[in-house]
Amino acid sequence: MATDDEGEFLFVGEKNGSVKIWNMGAGQDGDTLKQTIEIGTHLNGLSFETKFFSVISIASGKGLLIRDIKNNCDIFKFQPEVHVSCLSLAWDASSK
């Protein structure tokens, strides 16, 4: 689970291999589920970075995925042909 700095979005990894992005700023009358990202394998970690983009990074049993949540598109995807799991991830202080 992760959140953005302003507390607008909540990112929840589920056991079924999906990540749900909830819009906590939508209020009771708004649609709080913004999008679902289907990973199709176990999740090992996720983080969110807002300094330059609104991106979520997902470490999974298939590799690494960095996704722009505002434009709903993948920025970077690393899925090697051999079985390699990404076990953890982190952004450094300069957001790299």
PDB file of N, CA and C in Angstrom:
ATOM      1  N   MET A   1       0.845  -1.151   0.000  1.00  0.00           N
ATOM      2  CA  MET A   1       0.000   0.000   0.000  1.00  0.00           C
ATOM      3  C   MET A   1       0.906   1.235   0.000  1.00  0.00           C
ATOM      4  N   ALA A   2       0.470   2.287  -0.717  1.00  0.00           N
ATOM      5  CA  ALA A   2       1.204   3.550  -0.770  1.00  0.00           C
ATOM      6  C   ALA A   2       0.204   4.677  -1.003  1.00  0.00           C
ATOM      7  N   THR A   3       0.631   5.895  -0.727  1.00  0.00           N
ATOM      8  CA  THR A   3      -0.195   7.079  -0.987  1.00  0.00           C
ATOM      9  C   THR A   3       0.670   8.151  -1.636  1.00  0.00           C
ATOM     10  N   ASP A   4       0.020   9.150  -2.239  1.00  0.00           N
ATOM     11  CA  ASP A   4       0.753  10.304  -2.728  1.00  0.00           C
ATOM     12  C   ASP A   4       0.968  11.274  -1.576  1.00  0.00           C
ATOM     13  N   ASP A   5       1.786  12.306  -1.794  1.00  0.00           N
ATOM     14  CA  ASP A   5       2.124  13.241  -0.721  1.00  0.00           C
ATOM     15  C   ASP A   5       0.925  14.034  -0.212  1.00  0.00           C
ATOM     16  N   GLU A   6      -0.024  14.328  -1.086  1.00  0.00           N
ATOM     17  CA  GLU A   6      -1.183  15.115  -0.692  1.00  0.00           C
ATOM     18  C   GLU A   6      -2.312  14.268  -0.102  1.00  0.00           C
ATOM     19  N   GLY A   7      -2.210  12.969  -0.170  1.00  0.00           N
ATOM     20  CA  GLY A   7      -3.252  12.090   0.334  1.00  0.00           C
ATOM     21  C   GLY A   7      -4.457  11.978  -0.583  1.00  0.00           C
ATOM     22  N   GLU A   8      -4.287  12.359  -1.861  1.00  0.00           N
ATOM     23  CA  GLU A   8      -5.393  12.285  -2.817  1.00  0.00           C
ATOM     24  C   GLU A   8      -5.619  10.862  -3.308  1.00  0.00           C
ATOM     25  N   PHE A   9      -4.527  10.103  -3.508  1.00  0.00           N
ATOM     26  CA  PHE A   9      -4.636   8.752  -4.047  1.00  0.00           C
ATOM     27  C   PHE A   9      -4.114   7.719  -3.054  1.00  0.00           C
ATOM     28  N   LEU A  10      -4.759   6.574  -3.049  1.00  0.00           N
ATOM     29  CA  LEU A  10      -4.336   5.415  -2.265  1.00  0.00           C
ATOM     30  C   LEU A  10      -4.103   4.277  -3.244  1.00  0.00           C
ATOM     31  N   PHE A  11      -2.948   3.634  -3.170  1.00  0.00           N
ATOM     32  CA  PHE A  11      -2.574   2.538  -4.058  1.00  0.00           C
ATOM     33  C   PHE A  11      -2.541   1.255  -3.247  1.00  0.00           C
ATOM     34  N   VAL A  12      -3.338   0.277  -3.652  1.00  0.00           N
ATOM     35  CA  VAL A  12      -3.462  -0.961  -2.892  1.00  0.00           C
ATOM     36  C   VAL A  12      -3.134  -2.144  -3.792  1.00  0.00           C
ATOM     37  N   GLY A  13      -2.113  -2.913  -3.408  1.00  0.00           N
ATOM     38  CA  GLY A  13      -1.787  -4.152  -4.094  1.00  0.00           C
ATOM     39  C   GLY A  13      -2.623  -5.276  -3.524  1.00  0.00           C
ATOM     40  N   GLU A  14      -3.193  -6.099  -4.401  1.00  0.00           N
ATOM     41  CA  GLU A  14      -4.055  -7.178  -3.955  1.00  0.00           C
ATOM     42  C   GLU A  14      -3.415  -8.532  -4.240  1.00  0.00           C
ATOM     43  N   LYS A  15      -3.823  -9.556  -3.506  1.00  0.00           N
ATOM     44  CA  LYS A  15      -3.270 -10.893  -3.667  1.00  0.00           C
ATOM     45  C   LYS A  15      -3.515 -11.481  -5.047  1.00  0.00           C
ATOM     46  N   ASN A  16      -4.549 -11.028  -5.737  1.00  0.00           N
ATOM     47  CA  ASN A  16      -4.864 -11.591  -7.054  1.00  0.00           C
ATOM     48  C   ASN A  16      -3.980 -11.017  -8.165  1.00  0.00           C
ATOM     49  N   GLY A  17      -2.990 -10.171  -7.816  1.00  0.00           N
ATOM     50  CA  GLY A  17      -2.068  -9.648  -8.813  1.00  0.00           C
ATOM     51  C   GLY A  17      -2.550  -8.382  -9.486  1.00  0.00           C
ATOM     52  N   SER A  18      -3.312  -7.574  -8.786  1.00  0.00           N
ATOM     53  CA  SER A  18      -3.750  -6.299  -9.348  1.00  0.00           C
ATOM     54  C   SER A  18      -3.448  -5.179  -8.359  1.00  0.00           C
ATOM     55  N   VAL A  19      -3.364  -3.961  -8.898  1.00  0.00           N
ATOM     56  CA  VAL A  19      -3.176  -2.776  -8.080  1.00  0.00           C
ATOM     57  C   VAL A  19      -4.373  -1.873  -8.334  1.00  0.00           C
ATOM     58  N   LYS A  20      -5.048  -1.490  -7.289  1.00  0.00           N
ATOM     59  CA  LYS A  20      -6.188  -0.582  -7.413  1.00  0.00           C
ATOM     60  C   LYS A  20      -5.744   0.801  -6.965  1.00  0.00           C
ATOM     61  N   ILE A  21      -6.125   1.811  -7.752  1.00  0.00           N
ATOM     62  CA  ILE A  21      -5.806   3.193  -7.430  1.00  0.00           C
ATOM     63  C   ILE A  21      -7.117   3.881  -7.049  1.00  0.00           C
ATOM     64  N   TRP A  22      -7.197   4.297  -5.791  1.00  0.00           N
ATOM     65  CA  TRP A  22      -8.405   4.916  -5.253  1.00  0.00           C
ATOM     66  C   TRP A  22      -8.195   6.417  -5.154  1.00  0.00           C
ATOM     67  N   ASN A  23      -9.172   7.190  -5.604  1.00  0.00           N
ATOM     68  CA  ASN A  23      -9.145   8.641  -5.513  1.00  0.00           C
ATOM     69  C   ASN A  23      -9.821   9.040  -4.208  1.00  0.00           C
ATOM     70  N   MET A  24      -9.025   9.364  -3.220  1.00  0.00           N
ATOM     71  CA  MET A  24      -9.568   9.685  -1.901  1.00  0.00           C
ATOM     72  C   MET A  24     -10.159  11.094  -1.862  1.00  0.00           C
ATOM     73  N   GLY A  25      -9.858  11.926  -2.862  1.00  0.00           N
ATOM     74  CA  GLY A  25     -10.385  13.285  -2.914  1.00  0.00           C
ATOM     75  C   GLY A  25     -11.716  13.382  -3.630  1.00  0.00           C
ATOM     76  N   ALA A  26     -12.277  12.274  -4.101  1.00  0.00           N
ATOM     77  CA  ALA A  26     -13.519  12.303  -4.882  1.00  0.00           C
ATOM     78  C   ALA A  26     -14.747  12.581  -4.027  1.00  0.00           C
ATOM     79  N   GLY A  27     -14.653  12.352  -2.736  1.00  0.00           N
ATOM     80  CA  GLY A  27     -15.812  12.569  -1.868  1.00  0.00           C
ATOM     81  C   GLY A  27     -16.783  11.405  -1.944  1.00  0.00           C
ATOM     82  N   GLN A  28     -17.839  11.478  -1.186  1.00  0.00           N
ATOM     83  CA  GLN A  28     -18.798  10.379  -1.112  1.00  0.00           C
ATOM     84  C   GLN A  28     -19.605  10.211  -2.388  1.00  0.00           C
ATOM     85  N   ASP A  29     -19.826  11.288  -3.131  1.00  0.00           N
ATOM     86  CA  ASP A  29     -20.645  11.201  -4.337  1.00  0.00           C
ATOM     87  C   ASP A  29     -19.838  10.840  -5.582  1.00  0.00           C
ATOM     88  N   GLY A  30     -18.507  10.943  -5.520  1.00  0.00           N
ATOM     89  CA  GLY A  30     -17.669  10.685  -6.691  1.00  0.00           C
ATOM     90  C   GLY A  30     -17.284   9.229  -6.813  1.00  0.00           C
ATOM     91  N   ASP A  31     -16.733   8.869  -7.959  1.00  0.00           N
ATOM     92  CA  ASP A  31     -16.228   7.520  -8.198  1.00  0.00           C
ATOM     93  C   ASP A  31     -14.841   7.433  -7.580  1.00  0.00           C
ATOM     94  N   THR A  32     -14.671   6.660  -6.531  1.00  0.00           N
ATOM     95  CA  THR A  32     -13.407   6.623  -5.824  1.00  0.00           C
ATOM     96  C   THR A  32     -12.390   5.676  -6.449  1.00  0.00           C
ATOM     97  N   LEU A  33     -12.815   4.686  -7.256  1.00  0.00           N
ATOM     98  CA  LEU A  33     -11.866   3.804  -7.921  1.00  0.00           C
ATOM     99  C   LEU A  33     -11.442   4.450  -9.230  1.00  0.00           C
ATOM    100  N   LYS A  34     -10.180   4.907  -9.292  1.00  0.00           N
ATOM    101  CA  LYS A  34      -9.681   5.603 -10.472  1.00  0.00           C
ATOM    102  C   LYS A  34      -9.300   4.626 -11.575  1.00  0.00           C
ATOM    103  N   GLN A  35      -8.508   3.600 -11.241  1.00  0.00           N
ATOM    104  CA  GLN A  35      -8.112   2.600 -12.228  1.00  0.00           C
ATOM    105  C   GLN A  35      -7.585   1.350 -11.543  1.00  0.00           C
ATOM    106  N   THR A  36      -7.532   0.273 -12.304  1.00  0.00           N
ATOM    107  CA  THR A  36      -6.972  -0.987 -11.838  1.00  0.00           C
ATOM    108  C   THR A  36      -5.879  -1.401 -12.807  1.00  0.00           C
ATOM    109  N   ILE A  37      -4.733  -1.778 -12.274  1.00  0.00           N
ATOM    110  CA  ILE A  37      -3.607  -2.258 -13.076  1.00  0.00           C
ATOM    111  C   ILE A  37      -3.487  -3.748 -12.821  1.00  0.00           C
ATOM    112  N   GLU A  38      -3.665  -4.541 -13.867  1.00  0.00           N
ATOM    113  CA  GLU A  38      -3.565  -5.999 -13.743  1.00  0.00           C
ATOM    114  C   GLU A  38      -2.119  -6.434 -13.955  1.00  0.00           C
ATOM    115  N   ILE A  39      -1.521  -7.024 -12.937  1.00  0.00           N
ATOM    116  CA  ILE A  39      -0.131  -7.484 -13.001  1.00  0.00           C
ATOM    117  C   ILE A  39      -0.069  -8.962 -13.379  1.00  0.00           C
ATOM    118  N   GLY A  40      -0.977  -9.754 -12.873  1.00  0.00           N
ATOM    119  CA  GLY A  40      -1.036 -11.169 -13.215  1.00  0.00           C
ATOM    120  C   GLY A  40      -0.023 -12.041 -12.491  1.00  0.00           C
ATOM    121  N   THR A  41       0.574 -11.546 -11.439  1.00  0.00           N
ATOM    122  CA  THR A  41       1.500 -12.320 -10.626  1.00  0.00           C
ATOM    123  C   THR A  41       1.568 -11.668  -9.250  1.00  0.00           C
ATOM    124  N   HIS A  42       2.360 -12.246  -8.364  1.00  0.00           N
ATOM    125  CA  HIS A  42       2.443 -11.689  -7.012  1.00  0.00           C
ATOM    126  C   HIS A  42       3.160 -10.333  -7.018  1.00  0.00           C
ATOM    127  N   LEU A  43       2.767  -9.477  -6.102  1.00  0.00           N
ATOM    128  CA  LEU A  43       3.353  -8.151  -5.954  1.00  0.00           C
ATOM    129  C   LEU A  43       4.340  -8.162  -4.799  1.00  0.00           C
ATOM    130  N   ASN A  44       5.516  -7.590  -5.039  1.00  0.00           N
ATOM    131  CA  ASN A  44       6.532  -7.529  -3.994  1.00  0.00           C
ATOM    132  C   ASN A  44       6.686  -6.138  -3.398  1.00  0.00           C
ATOM    133  N   GLY A  45       6.247  -5.114  -4.109  1.00  0.00           N
ATOM    134  CA  GLY A  45       6.359  -3.761  -3.590  1.00  0.00           C
ATOM    135  C   GLY A  45       5.794  -2.756  -4.569  1.00  0.00           C
ATOM    136  N   LEU A  46       5.398  -1.608  -4.048  1.00  0.00           N
ATOM    137  CA  LEU A  46       4.985  -0.512  -4.906  1.00  0.00           C
ATOM    138  C   LEU A  46       5.302   0.795  -4.216  1.00  0.00           C
ATOM    139  N   SER A  47       5.561   1.818  -5.027  1.00  0.00           N
ATOM    140  CA  SER A  47       5.831   3.148  -4.490  1.00  0.00           C
ATOM    141  C   SER A  47       5.276   4.178  -5.458  1.00  0.00           C
ATOM    142  N   PHE A  48       5.147   5.396  -4.978  1.00  0.00           N
ATOM    143  CA  PHE A  48       4.569   6.463  -5.778  1.00  0.00           C
ATOM    144  C   PHE A  48       5.485   7.667  -5.724  1.00  0.00           C
ATOM    145  N   GLU A  49       5.682   8.343  -6.854  1.00  0.00           N
ATOM    146  CA  GLU A  49       6.556   9.514  -6.944  1.00  0.00           C
ATOM    147  C   GLU A  49       5.812  10.648  -7.628  1.00  0.00           C
ATOM    148  N   THR A  50       5.814  11.829  -7.028  1.00  0.00           N
ATOM    149  CA  THR A  50       5.096  12.971  -7.605  1.00  0.00           C
ATOM    150  C   THR A  50       5.997  14.138  -7.964  1.00  0.00           C
ATOM    151  N   LYS A  51       7.298  14.041  -7.776  1.00  0.00           N
ATOM    152  CA  LYS A  51       8.162  15.196  -8.015  1.00  0.00           C
ATOM    153  C   LYS A  51       8.127  15.642  -9.476  1.00  0.00           C
ATOM    154  N   PHE A  52       8.262  14.715 -10.417  1.00  0.00           N
ATOM    155  CA  PHE A  52       8.277  15.073 -11.831  1.00  0.00           C
ATOM    156  C   PHE A  52       7.036  14.576 -12.573  1.00  0.00           C
ATOM    157  N   PHE A  53       6.515  13.452 -12.179  1.00  0.00           N
ATOM    158  CA  PHE A  53       5.336  12.839 -12.808  1.00  0.00           C
ATOM    159  C   PHE A  53       4.424  12.370 -11.686  1.00  0.00           C
ATOM    160  N   SER A  54       3.325  11.793 -12.061  1.00  0.00           N
ATOM    161  CA  SER A  54       2.523  11.026 -11.120  1.00  0.00           C
ATOM    162  C   SER A  54       2.675   9.581 -11.549  1.00  0.00           C
ATOM    163  N   VAL A  55       3.708   8.920 -11.042  1.00  0.00           N
ATOM    164  CA  VAL A  55       3.993   7.559 -11.470  1.00  0.00           C
ATOM    165  C   VAL A  55       3.969   6.607 -10.296  1.00  0.00           C
ATOM    166  N   ILE A  56       3.541   5.402 -10.585  1.00  0.00           N
ATOM    167  CA  ILE A  56       3.577   4.325  -9.603  1.00  0.00           C
ATOM    168  C   ILE A  56       4.574   3.289 -10.117  1.00  0.00           C
ATOM    169  N   SER A  57       5.408   2.798  -9.228  1.00  0.00           N
ATOM    170  CA  SER A  57       6.371   1.754  -9.559  1.00  0.00           C
ATOM    171  C   SER A  57       5.919   0.468  -8.889  1.00  0.00           C
ATOM    172  N   ILE A  58       5.943  -0.622  -9.656  1.00  0.00           N
ATOM    173  CA  ILE A  58       5.440  -1.893  -9.154  1.00  0.00           C
ATOM    174  C   ILE A  58       6.507  -2.968  -9.342  1.00  0.00           C
ATOM    175  N   ALA A  59       6.921  -3.583  -8.251  1.00  0.00           N
ATOM    176  CA  ALA A  59       7.851  -4.706  -8.282  1.00  0.00           C
ATOM    177  C   ALA A  59       7.031  -5.983  -8.186  1.00  0.00           C
ATOM    178  N   SER A  60       7.267  -6.914  -9.116  1.00  0.00           N
ATOM    179  CA  SER A  60       6.450  -8.123  -9.123  1.00  0.00           C
ATOM    180  C   SER A  60       7.273  -9.339  -9.503  1.00  0.00           C
ATOM    181  N   GLY A  61       6.601 -10.477  -9.562  1.00  0.00           N
ATOM    182  CA  GLY A  61       7.216 -11.721  -9.978  1.00  0.00           C
ATOM    183  C   GLY A  61       7.565 -11.741 -11.457  1.00  0.00           C
ATOM    184  N   LYS A  62       7.092 -10.761 -12.220  1.00  0.00           N
ATOM    185  CA  LYS A  62       7.406 -10.676 -13.646  1.00  0.00           C
ATOM    186  C   LYS A  62       8.453  -9.616 -13.954  1.00  0.00           C
ATOM    187  N   GLY A  63       8.827  -8.800 -12.991  1.00  0.00           N
ATOM    188  CA  GLY A  63       9.810  -7.756 -13.230  1.00  0.00           C
ATOM    189  C   GLY A  63       9.395  -6.430 -12.625  1.00  0.00           C
ATOM    190  N   LEU A  64       9.598  -5.342 -13.387  1.00  0.00           N
ATOM    191  CA  LEU A  64       9.355  -3.999 -12.899  1.00  0.00           C
ATOM    192  C   LEU A  64       8.465  -3.246 -13.870  1.00  0.00           C
ATOM    193  N   LEU A  65       7.518  -2.485 -13.341  1.00  0.00           N
ATOM    194  CA  LEU A  65       6.627  -1.663 -14.149  1.00  0.00           C
ATOM    195  C   LEU A  65       6.571  -0.270 -13.542  1.00  0.00           C
ATOM    196  N   ILE A  66       6.770   0.764 -14.378  1.00  0.00           N
ATOM    197  CA  ILE A  66       6.587   2.146 -13.961  1.00  0.00           C
ATOM    198  C   ILE A  66       5.477   2.710 -14.837  1.00  0.00           C
ATOM    199  N   ARG A  67       4.417   3.203 -14.203  1.00  0.00           N
ATOM    200  CA  ARG A  67       3.210   3.607 -14.921  1.00  0.00           C
ATOM    201  C   ARG A  67       2.806   5.035 -14.568  1.00  0.00           C
ATOM    202  N   ASP A  68       2.482   5.817 -15.589  1.00  0.00           N
ATOM    203  CA  ASP A  68       1.948   7.172 -15.424  1.00  0.00           C
ATOM    204  C   ASP A  68       0.457   7.028 -15.125  1.00  0.00           C
ATOM    205  N   ILE A  69       0.044   7.385 -13.915  1.00  0.00           N
ATOM    206  CA  ILE A  69      -1.358   7.151 -13.556  1.00  0.00           C
ATOM    207  C   ILE A  69      -2.292   8.223 -14.092  1.00  0.00           C
ATOM    208  N   LYS A  70      -1.774   9.431 -14.330  1.00  0.00           N
ATOM    209  CA  LYS A  70      -2.647  10.476 -14.865  1.00  0.00           C
ATOM    210  C   LYS A  70      -3.004  10.211 -16.321  1.00  0.00           C
ATOM    211  N   ASN A  71      -2.040   9.713 -17.105  1.00  0.00           N
ATOM    212  CA  ASN A  71      -2.290   9.409 -18.518  1.00  0.00           C
ATOM    213  C   ASN A  71      -2.635   7.945 -18.750  1.00  0.00           C
ATOM    214  N   ASN A  72      -2.643   7.140 -17.672  1.00  0.00           N
ATOM    215  CA  ASN A  72      -3.026   5.733 -17.739  1.00  0.00           C
ATOM    216  C   ASN A  72      -2.215   4.959 -18.783  1.00  0.00           C
ATOM    217  N   CYS A  73      -0.865   5.117 -18.734  1.00  0.00           N
ATOM    218  CA  CYS A  73      -0.006   4.413 -19.692  1.00  0.00           C
ATOM    219  C   CYS A  73       1.297   3.993 -19.019  1.00  0.00           C
ATOM    220  N   ASP A  74       1.908   2.941 -19.556  1.00  0.00           N
ATOM    221  CA  ASP A  74       3.193   2.466 -19.044  1.00  0.00           C
ATOM    222  C   ASP A  74       4.318   3.359 -19.556  1.00  0.00           C
ATOM    223  N   ILE A  75       5.236   3.725 -18.661  1.00  0.00           N
ATOM    224  CA  ILE A  75       6.423   4.496 -19.027  1.00  0.00           C
ATOM    225  C   ILE A  75       7.600   3.562 -19.237  1.00  0.00           C
ATOM    226  N   PHE A  76       7.719   2.566 -18.377  1.00  0.00           N
ATOM    227  CA  PHE A  76       8.838   1.626 -18.437  1.00  0.00           C
ATOM    228  C   PHE A  76       8.343   0.262 -17.981  1.00  0.00           C
ATOM    229  N   LYS A  77       8.746  -0.764 -18.697  1.00  0.00           N
ATOM    230  CA  LYS A  77       8.365  -2.127 -18.331  1.00  0.00           C
ATOM    231  C   LYS A  77       9.582  -3.027 -18.553  1.00  0.00           C
ATOM    232  N   PHE A  78       9.993  -3.729 -17.519  1.00  0.00           N
ATOM    233  CA  PHE A  78      11.116  -4.660 -17.611  1.00  0.00           C
ATOM    234  C   PHE A  78      10.615  -6.038 -17.234  1.00  0.00           C
ATOM    235  N   GLN A  79      10.464  -6.898 -18.247  1.00  0.00           N
ATOM    236  CA  GLN A  79      10.046  -8.281 -18.038  1.00  0.00           C
ATOM    237  C   GLN A  79      10.995  -9.179 -18.821  1.00  0.00           C
ATOM    238  N   PRO A  80      12.065  -9.646 -18.180  1.00  0.00           N
ATOM    239  CA  PRO A  80      13.032 -10.493 -18.887  1.00  0.00           C
ATOM    240  C   PRO A  80      12.417 -11.827 -19.287  1.00  0.00           C
ATOM    241  N   GLU A  81      13.014 -12.447 -20.296  1.00  0.00           N
ATOM    242  CA  GLU A  81      12.510 -13.740 -20.775  1.00  0.00           C
ATOM    243  C   GLU A  81      12.728 -14.843 -19.756  1.00  0.00           C
ATOM    244  N   VAL A  82      13.819 -14.774 -19.023  1.00  0.00           N
ATOM    245  CA  VAL A  82      14.046 -15.751 -17.955  1.00  0.00           C
ATOM    246  C   VAL A  82      13.301 -15.278 -16.719  1.00  0.00           C
ATOM    247  N   HIS A  83      12.966 -16.204 -15.847  1.00  0.00           N
ATOM    248  CA  HIS A  83      12.189 -15.861 -14.657  1.00  0.00           C
ATOM    249  C   HIS A  83      13.048 -15.060 -13.678  1.00  0.00           C
ATOM    250  N   VAL A  84      12.761 -13.788 -13.549  1.00  0.00           N
ATOM    251  CA  VAL A  84      13.440 -12.901 -12.611  1.00  0.00           C
ATOM    252  C   VAL A  84      12.388 -12.095 -11.874  1.00  0.00           C
ATOM    253  N   SER A  85      12.431 -12.122 -10.567  1.00  0.00           N
ATOM    254  CA  SER A  85      11.501 -11.325  -9.770  1.00  0.00           C
ATOM    255  C   SER A  85      12.167 -10.043  -9.313  1.00  0.00           C
ATOM    256  N   CYS A  86      11.430  -8.962  -9.320  1.00  0.00           N
ATOM    257  CA  CYS A  86      11.871  -7.712  -8.706  1.00  0.00           C
ATOM    258  C   CYS A  86      11.349  -7.742  -7.279  1.00  0.00           C
ATOM    259  N   LEU A  87      12.244  -7.768  -6.313  1.00  0.00           N
ATOM    260  CA  LEU A  87      11.829  -7.974  -4.930  1.00  0.00           C
ATOM    261  C   LEU A  87      11.540  -6.696  -4.166  1.00  0.00           C
ATOM    262  N   SER A  88      12.145  -5.585  -4.560  1.00  0.00           N
ATOM    263  CA  SER A  88      11.893  -4.332  -3.865  1.00  0.00           C
ATOM    264  C   SER A  88      12.238  -3.168  -4.781  1.00  0.00           C
ATOM    265  N   LEU A  89      11.850  -1.969  -4.377  1.00  0.00           N
ATOM    266  CA  LEU A  89      12.163  -0.783  -5.160  1.00  0.00           C
ATOM    267  C   LEU A  89      12.130   0.429  -4.265  1.00  0.00           C
ATOM    268  N   ALA A  90      12.778   1.498  -4.715  1.00  0.00           N
ATOM    269  CA  ALA A  90      12.796   2.760  -3.953  1.00  0.00           C
ATOM    270  C   ALA A  90      13.223   3.885  -4.878  1.00  0.00           C
ATOM    271  N   TRP A  91      12.749   5.083  -4.603  1.00  0.00           N
ATOM    272  CA  TRP A  91      13.205   6.302  -5.275  1.00  0.00           C
ATOM    273  C   TRP A  91      14.241   6.942  -4.375  1.00  0.00           C
ATOM    274  N   ASP A  92      15.324   7.473  -4.969  1.00  0.00           N
ATOM    275  CA  ASP A  92      16.289   8.187  -4.139  1.00  0.00           C
ATOM    276  C   ASP A  92      15.817   9.630  -3.926  1.00  0.00           C
ATOM    277  N   ALA A  93      16.592  10.418  -3.179  1.00  0.00           N
ATOM    278  CA  ALA A  93      16.190  11.782  -2.831  1.00  0.00           C
ATOM    279  C   ALA A  93      16.000  12.674  -4.053  1.00  0.00           C
ATOM    280  N   SER A  94      16.698  12.363  -5.158  1.00  0.00           N
ATOM    281  CA  SER A  94      16.553  13.174  -6.377  1.00  0.00           C
ATOM    282  C   SER A  94      15.504  12.605  -7.325  1.00  0.00           C
ATOM    283  N   SER A  95      14.734  11.649  -6.848  1.00  0.00           N
ATOM    284  CA  SER A  95      13.647  11.010  -7.617  1.00  0.00           C
ATOM    285  C   SER A  95      14.146  10.241  -8.827  1.00  0.00           C
ATOM    286  N   LYS A  96      15.255   9.566  -8.688  1.00  0.00           N
ATOM    287  CA  LYS A  96      15.782   8.728  -9.768  1.00  0.00           C
ATOM    288  C   LYS A  96      15.645   7.277  -9.379  1.00  0.00           C
TER     289      LYS A  96
END
